[in-house]
């Protein structure tokens, strides 16, 4: 039950490590640059080179059934879902097959509005509630995988 983390901008890495240790789950921290990771046999830093989507490609090429991916990148989330993995964003929301199309369309609309200058800003600030929701959802997801539930 490995956990793949799209780590470059992930605000919940410490929380992932804590939950992974409790479940004895392997964590692949995938990044385009060196990041601090704790010395732990369950945690492996993977530094990929080769461009903008290299980390996404590394994760998408390896993730599969019974695995968990942590990302806020919607196209990567879609690729992981196609591989039958579970996918959470850092705020604790699960990406699902039913909702990924809408998320991609919303992303495309926001990109278009930003480029036209009619829409500014980005996602809302990360809060303690988001962190708590993420911890709860990751723990719940790992328990569900162990029980064989979708």
C-alpha atoms as a PDB file:
ATOM      1  CA  UNK A   1       0.000   0.000   0.000  1.00  0.00           C
ATOM      2  CA  UNK A   2       2.492   2.643  -1.101  1.00  0.00           C
ATOM      3  CA  UNK A   3       1.770   6.351  -0.885  1.00  0.00           C
ATOM      4  CA  UNK A   4       3.067   8.521  -3.723  1.00  0.00           C
ATOM      5  CA  UNK A   5       3.487  12.191  -2.854  1.00  0.00           C
ATOM      6  CA  UNK A   6       3.683  14.923  -5.494  1.00  0.00           C
ATOM      7  CA  UNK A   7       5.950  16.718  -3.080  1.00  0.00           C
ATOM      8  CA  UNK A   8       7.272  19.970  -4.521  1.00  0.00           C
ATOM      9  CA  UNK A   9       4.457  22.121  -3.114  1.00  0.00           C
ATOM     10  CA  UNK A  10       2.816  19.641  -0.741  1.00  0.00           C
ATOM     11  CA  UNK A  11       1.995  21.263   2.628  1.00  0.00           C
ATOM     12  CA  UNK A  12       1.157  17.997   4.427  1.00  0.00           C
ATOM     13  CA  UNK A  13       4.331  15.926   4.107  1.00  0.00           C
ATOM     14  CA  UNK A  14       4.816  15.649   7.884  1.00  0.00           C
ATOM     15  CA  UNK A  15       1.235  14.473   8.282  1.00  0.00           C
ATOM     16  CA  UNK A  16       1.739  11.863   5.552  1.00  0.00           C
ATOM     17  CA  UNK A  17       4.842  10.534   7.323  1.00  0.00           C
ATOM     18  CA  UNK A  18       2.983  10.284  10.623  1.00  0.00           C
ATOM     19  CA  UNK A  19       0.013   8.362   9.191  1.00  0.00           C
ATOM     20  CA  UNK A  20       2.257   6.172   7.009  1.00  0.00           C
ATOM     21  CA  UNK A  21       4.305   5.094  10.031  1.00  0.00           C
ATOM     22  CA  UNK A  22       1.137   4.133  11.876  1.00  0.00           C
ATOM     23  CA  UNK A  23       0.021   1.989   8.920  1.00  0.00           C
ATOM     24  CA  UNK A  24       3.546   0.830   8.018  1.00  0.00           C
ATOM     25  CA  UNK A  25       3.032   2.148   4.479  1.00  0.00           C
ATOM     26  CA  UNK A  26       5.918   2.967   2.144  1.00  0.00           C
ATOM     27  CA  UNK A  27       6.055   6.639   1.089  1.00  0.00           C
ATOM     28  CA  UNK A  28       7.640   7.838  -2.145  1.00  0.00           C
ATOM     29  CA  UNK A  29       8.315  11.568  -1.884  1.00  0.00           C
ATOM     30  CA  UNK A  30       8.644  12.589  -5.535  1.00  0.00           C
ATOM     31  CA  UNK A  31      10.188  15.962  -6.332  1.00  0.00           C
ATOM     32  CA  UNK A  32      12.082  17.911  -8.967  1.00  0.00           C
ATOM     33  CA  UNK A  33      14.627  19.015  -6.352  1.00  0.00           C
ATOM     34  CA  UNK A  34      16.186  17.845  -3.109  1.00  0.00           C
ATOM     35  CA  UNK A  35      13.864  18.034  -0.131  1.00  0.00           C
ATOM     36  CA  UNK A  36      14.382  17.194   3.500  1.00  0.00           C
ATOM     37  CA  UNK A  37      12.878  13.827   4.381  1.00  0.00           C
ATOM     38  CA  UNK A  38      13.188  12.020   7.687  1.00  0.00           C
ATOM     39  CA  UNK A  39      15.579   9.085   7.992  1.00  0.00           C
ATOM     40  CA  UNK A  40      13.113   6.252   7.921  1.00  0.00           C
ATOM     41  CA  UNK A  41      13.073   2.970   5.992  1.00  0.00           C
ATOM     42  CA  UNK A  42       9.451   3.675   5.015  1.00  0.00           C
ATOM     43  CA  UNK A  43      10.219   7.073   3.449  1.00  0.00           C
ATOM     44  CA  UNK A  44      12.083   7.361   0.159  1.00  0.00           C
ATOM     45  CA  UNK A  45      12.940  10.617  -1.594  1.00  0.00           C
ATOM     46  CA  UNK A  46      12.828  10.326  -5.383  1.00  0.00           C
ATOM     47  CA  UNK A  47      14.368  13.293  -7.198  1.00  0.00           C
ATOM     48  CA  UNK A  48      13.453  13.295 -10.878  1.00  0.00           C
ATOM     49  CA  UNK A  49      15.055  15.340 -13.605  1.00  0.00           C
ATOM     50  CA  UNK A  50      13.798  16.093 -17.054  1.00  0.00           C
ATOM     51  CA  UNK A  51      11.221  18.812 -17.070  1.00  0.00           C
ATOM     52  CA  UNK A  52       8.004  20.210 -15.751  1.00  0.00           C
ATOM     53  CA  UNK A  53       5.978  16.976 -15.614  1.00  0.00           C
ATOM     54  CA  UNK A  54       8.799  14.560 -14.761  1.00  0.00           C
ATOM     55  CA  UNK A  55       7.595  14.000 -11.186  1.00  0.00           C
ATOM     56  CA  UNK A  56       4.015  13.504 -12.394  1.00  0.00           C
ATOM     57  CA  UNK A  57       5.196  11.002 -15.010  1.00  0.00           C
ATOM     58  CA  UNK A  58       7.236   9.077 -12.422  1.00  0.00           C
ATOM     59  CA  UNK A  59       4.201   8.761 -10.153  1.00  0.00           C
ATOM     60  CA  UNK A  60       1.732   7.932 -12.942  1.00  0.00           C
ATOM     61  CA  UNK A  61       4.048   5.226 -14.315  1.00  0.00           C
ATOM     62  CA  UNK A  62       4.158   3.410 -10.958  1.00  0.00           C
ATOM     63  CA  UNK A  63       0.884   4.004  -9.105  1.00  0.00           C
ATOM     64  CA  UNK A  64      -1.746   1.279  -9.202  1.00  0.00           C
ATOM     65  CA  UNK A  65      -4.517  -0.589  -7.427  1.00  0.00           C
ATOM     66  CA  UNK A  66      -4.250  -0.337  -3.641  1.00  0.00           C
ATOM     67  CA  UNK A  67      -1.931   2.673  -3.826  1.00  0.00           C
ATOM     68  CA  UNK A  68      -2.568   6.238  -2.695  1.00  0.00           C
ATOM     69  CA  UNK A  69      -1.449   9.382  -4.492  1.00  0.00           C
ATOM     70  CA  UNK A  70      -1.334  12.770  -2.802  1.00  0.00           C
ATOM     71  CA  UNK A  71      -1.480  15.673  -5.250  1.00  0.00           C
ATOM     72  CA  UNK A  72      -3.210  18.944  -5.965  1.00  0.00           C
ATOM     73  CA  UNK A  73      -2.443  18.495  -9.681  1.00  0.00           C
ATOM     74  CA  UNK A  74      -5.747  17.607 -11.354  1.00  0.00           C
ATOM     75  CA  UNK A  75      -4.288  16.059 -14.541  1.00  0.00           C
ATOM     76  CA  UNK A  76      -2.025  13.849 -12.399  1.00  0.00           C
ATOM     77  CA  UNK A  77      -5.022  12.923 -10.242  1.00  0.00           C
ATOM     78  CA  UNK A  78      -6.865  11.821 -13.387  1.00  0.00           C
ATOM     79  CA  UNK A  79      -3.920   9.661 -14.483  1.00  0.00           C
ATOM     80  CA  UNK A  80      -3.744   8.025 -11.050  1.00  0.00           C
ATOM     81  CA  UNK A  81      -7.476   7.350 -11.013  1.00  0.00           C
ATOM     82  CA  UNK A  82      -7.153   5.649 -14.407  1.00  0.00           C
ATOM     83  CA  UNK A  83      -4.591   3.335 -12.752  1.00  0.00           C
ATOM     84  CA  UNK A  84      -7.205   2.508 -10.057  1.00  0.00           C
ATOM     85  CA  UNK A  85      -5.327   4.298  -7.278  1.00  0.00           C
ATOM     86  CA  UNK A  86      -6.945   6.384  -4.570  1.00  0.00           C
ATOM     87  CA  UNK A  87      -6.150  10.079  -4.864  1.00  0.00           C
ATOM     88  CA  UNK A  88      -6.343  12.796  -2.205  1.00  0.00           C
ATOM     89  CA  UNK A  89      -5.513  16.454  -2.419  1.00  0.00           C
ATOM     90  CA  UNK A  90      -3.603  18.094   0.465  1.00  0.00           C
ATOM     91  CA  UNK A  91      -6.838  19.563   1.848  1.00  0.00           C
ATOM     92  CA  UNK A  92      -8.251  16.067   2.356  1.00  0.00           C
ATOM     93  CA  UNK A  93     -10.647  15.870  -0.558  1.00  0.00           C
ATOM     94  CA  UNK A  94     -10.721  12.656  -2.540  1.00  0.00           C
ATOM     95  CA  UNK A  95     -10.620  12.839  -6.308  1.00  0.00           C
ATOM     96  CA  UNK A  96     -13.110  10.391  -7.788  1.00  0.00           C
ATOM     97  CA  UNK A  97     -13.939   9.105 -11.264  1.00  0.00           C
ATOM     98  CA  UNK A  98     -17.316  10.835 -11.018  1.00  0.00           C
ATOM     99  CA  UNK A  99     -15.862  14.248 -10.188  1.00  0.00           C
ATOM    100  CA  UNK A 100     -12.569  14.373 -12.104  1.00  0.00           C
ATOM    101  CA  UNK A 101     -14.161  15.574 -15.363  1.00  0.00           C
ATOM    102  CA  UNK A 102     -15.771  18.505 -13.581  1.00  0.00           C
ATOM    103  CA  UNK A 103     -12.493  19.323 -11.806  1.00  0.00           C
ATOM    104  CA  UNK A 104     -10.633  19.332 -15.136  1.00  0.00           C
ATOM    105  CA  UNK A 105     -13.284  21.581 -16.723  1.00  0.00           C
ATOM    106  CA  UNK A 106     -13.167  23.999 -13.780  1.00  0.00           C
ATOM    107  CA  UNK A 107      -9.377  24.082 -13.984  1.00  0.00           C
ATOM    108  CA  UNK A 108      -9.518  24.871 -17.711  1.00  0.00           C
ATOM    109  CA  UNK A 109     -12.085  27.632 -17.110  1.00  0.00           C
ATOM    110  CA  UNK A 110      -9.963  29.208 -14.364  1.00  0.00           C
ATOM    111  CA  UNK A 111      -6.882  29.073 -16.607  1.00  0.00           C
ATOM    112  CA  UNK A 112      -8.789  30.805 -19.387  1.00  0.00           C
ATOM    113  CA  UNK A 113     -10.130  33.490 -17.033  1.00  0.00           C
ATOM    114  CA  UNK A 114      -6.661  34.103 -15.555  1.00  0.00           C
ATOM    115  CA  UNK A 115      -5.153  34.484 -19.027  1.00  0.00           C
ATOM    116  CA  UNK A 116      -7.865  36.971 -19.987  1.00  0.00           C
ATOM    117  CA  UNK A 117      -7.195  38.981 -16.835  1.00  0.00           C
ATOM    118  CA  UNK A 118     -10.723  38.537 -15.491  1.00  0.00           C
ATOM    119  CA  UNK A 119      -9.757  36.243 -12.655  1.00  0.00           C
ATOM    120  CA  UNK A 120      -6.910  36.618 -10.198  1.00  0.00           C
ATOM    121  CA  UNK A 121      -5.539  34.811  -7.244  1.00  0.00           C
ATOM    122  CA  UNK A 122      -5.220  31.165  -6.580  1.00  0.00           C
ATOM    123  CA  UNK A 123      -6.570  28.611  -4.160  1.00  0.00           C
ATOM    124  CA  UNK A 124      -7.726  29.595  -0.700  1.00  0.00           C
ATOM    125  CA  UNK A 125      -5.138  29.658   2.085  1.00  0.00           C
ATOM    126  CA  UNK A 126      -4.273  26.348   3.746  1.00  0.00           C
ATOM    127  CA  UNK A 127      -5.833  26.146   7.226  1.00  0.00           C
ATOM    128  CA  UNK A 128      -5.748  24.007  10.372  1.00  0.00           C
ATOM    129  CA  UNK A 129      -9.136  22.620   9.340  1.00  0.00           C
ATOM    130  CA  UNK A 130      -7.649  21.534   5.995  1.00  0.00           C
ATOM    131  CA  UNK A 131      -4.753  19.821   7.780  1.00  0.00           C
ATOM    132  CA  UNK A 132      -7.107  18.026  10.153  1.00  0.00           C
ATOM    133  CA  UNK A 133      -9.404  16.940   7.302  1.00  0.00           C
ATOM    134  CA  UNK A 134      -6.398  15.607   5.393  1.00  0.00           C
ATOM    135  CA  UNK A 135      -5.132  13.565   8.366  1.00  0.00           C
ATOM    136  CA  UNK A 136      -8.565  12.058   8.891  1.00  0.00           C
ATOM    137  CA  UNK A 137      -9.141  11.280   5.199  1.00  0.00           C
ATOM    138  CA  UNK A 138      -5.703   9.692   4.688  1.00  0.00           C
ATOM    139  CA  UNK A 139      -6.166   7.492   7.744  1.00  0.00           C
ATOM    140  CA  UNK A 140      -9.679   6.544   6.579  1.00  0.00           C
ATOM    141  CA  UNK A 141      -8.396   5.766   3.066  1.00  0.00           C
ATOM    142  CA  UNK A 142      -5.599   3.501   4.318  1.00  0.00           C
ATOM    143  CA  UNK A 143      -8.028   1.641   6.596  1.00  0.00           C
ATOM    144  CA  UNK A 144     -10.438   1.180   3.659  1.00  0.00           C
ATOM    145  CA  UNK A 145      -7.652  -0.232   1.477  1.00  0.00           C
ATOM    146  CA  UNK A 146      -6.720  -2.696   4.213  1.00  0.00           C
ATOM    147  CA  UNK A 147     -10.349  -3.813   4.456  1.00  0.00           C
ATOM    148  CA  UNK A 148     -10.550  -4.149   0.681  1.00  0.00           C
ATOM    149  CA  UNK A 149     -13.241  -1.500   0.321  1.00  0.00           C
ATOM    150  CA  UNK A 150     -13.460   0.953  -2.543  1.00  0.00           C
END
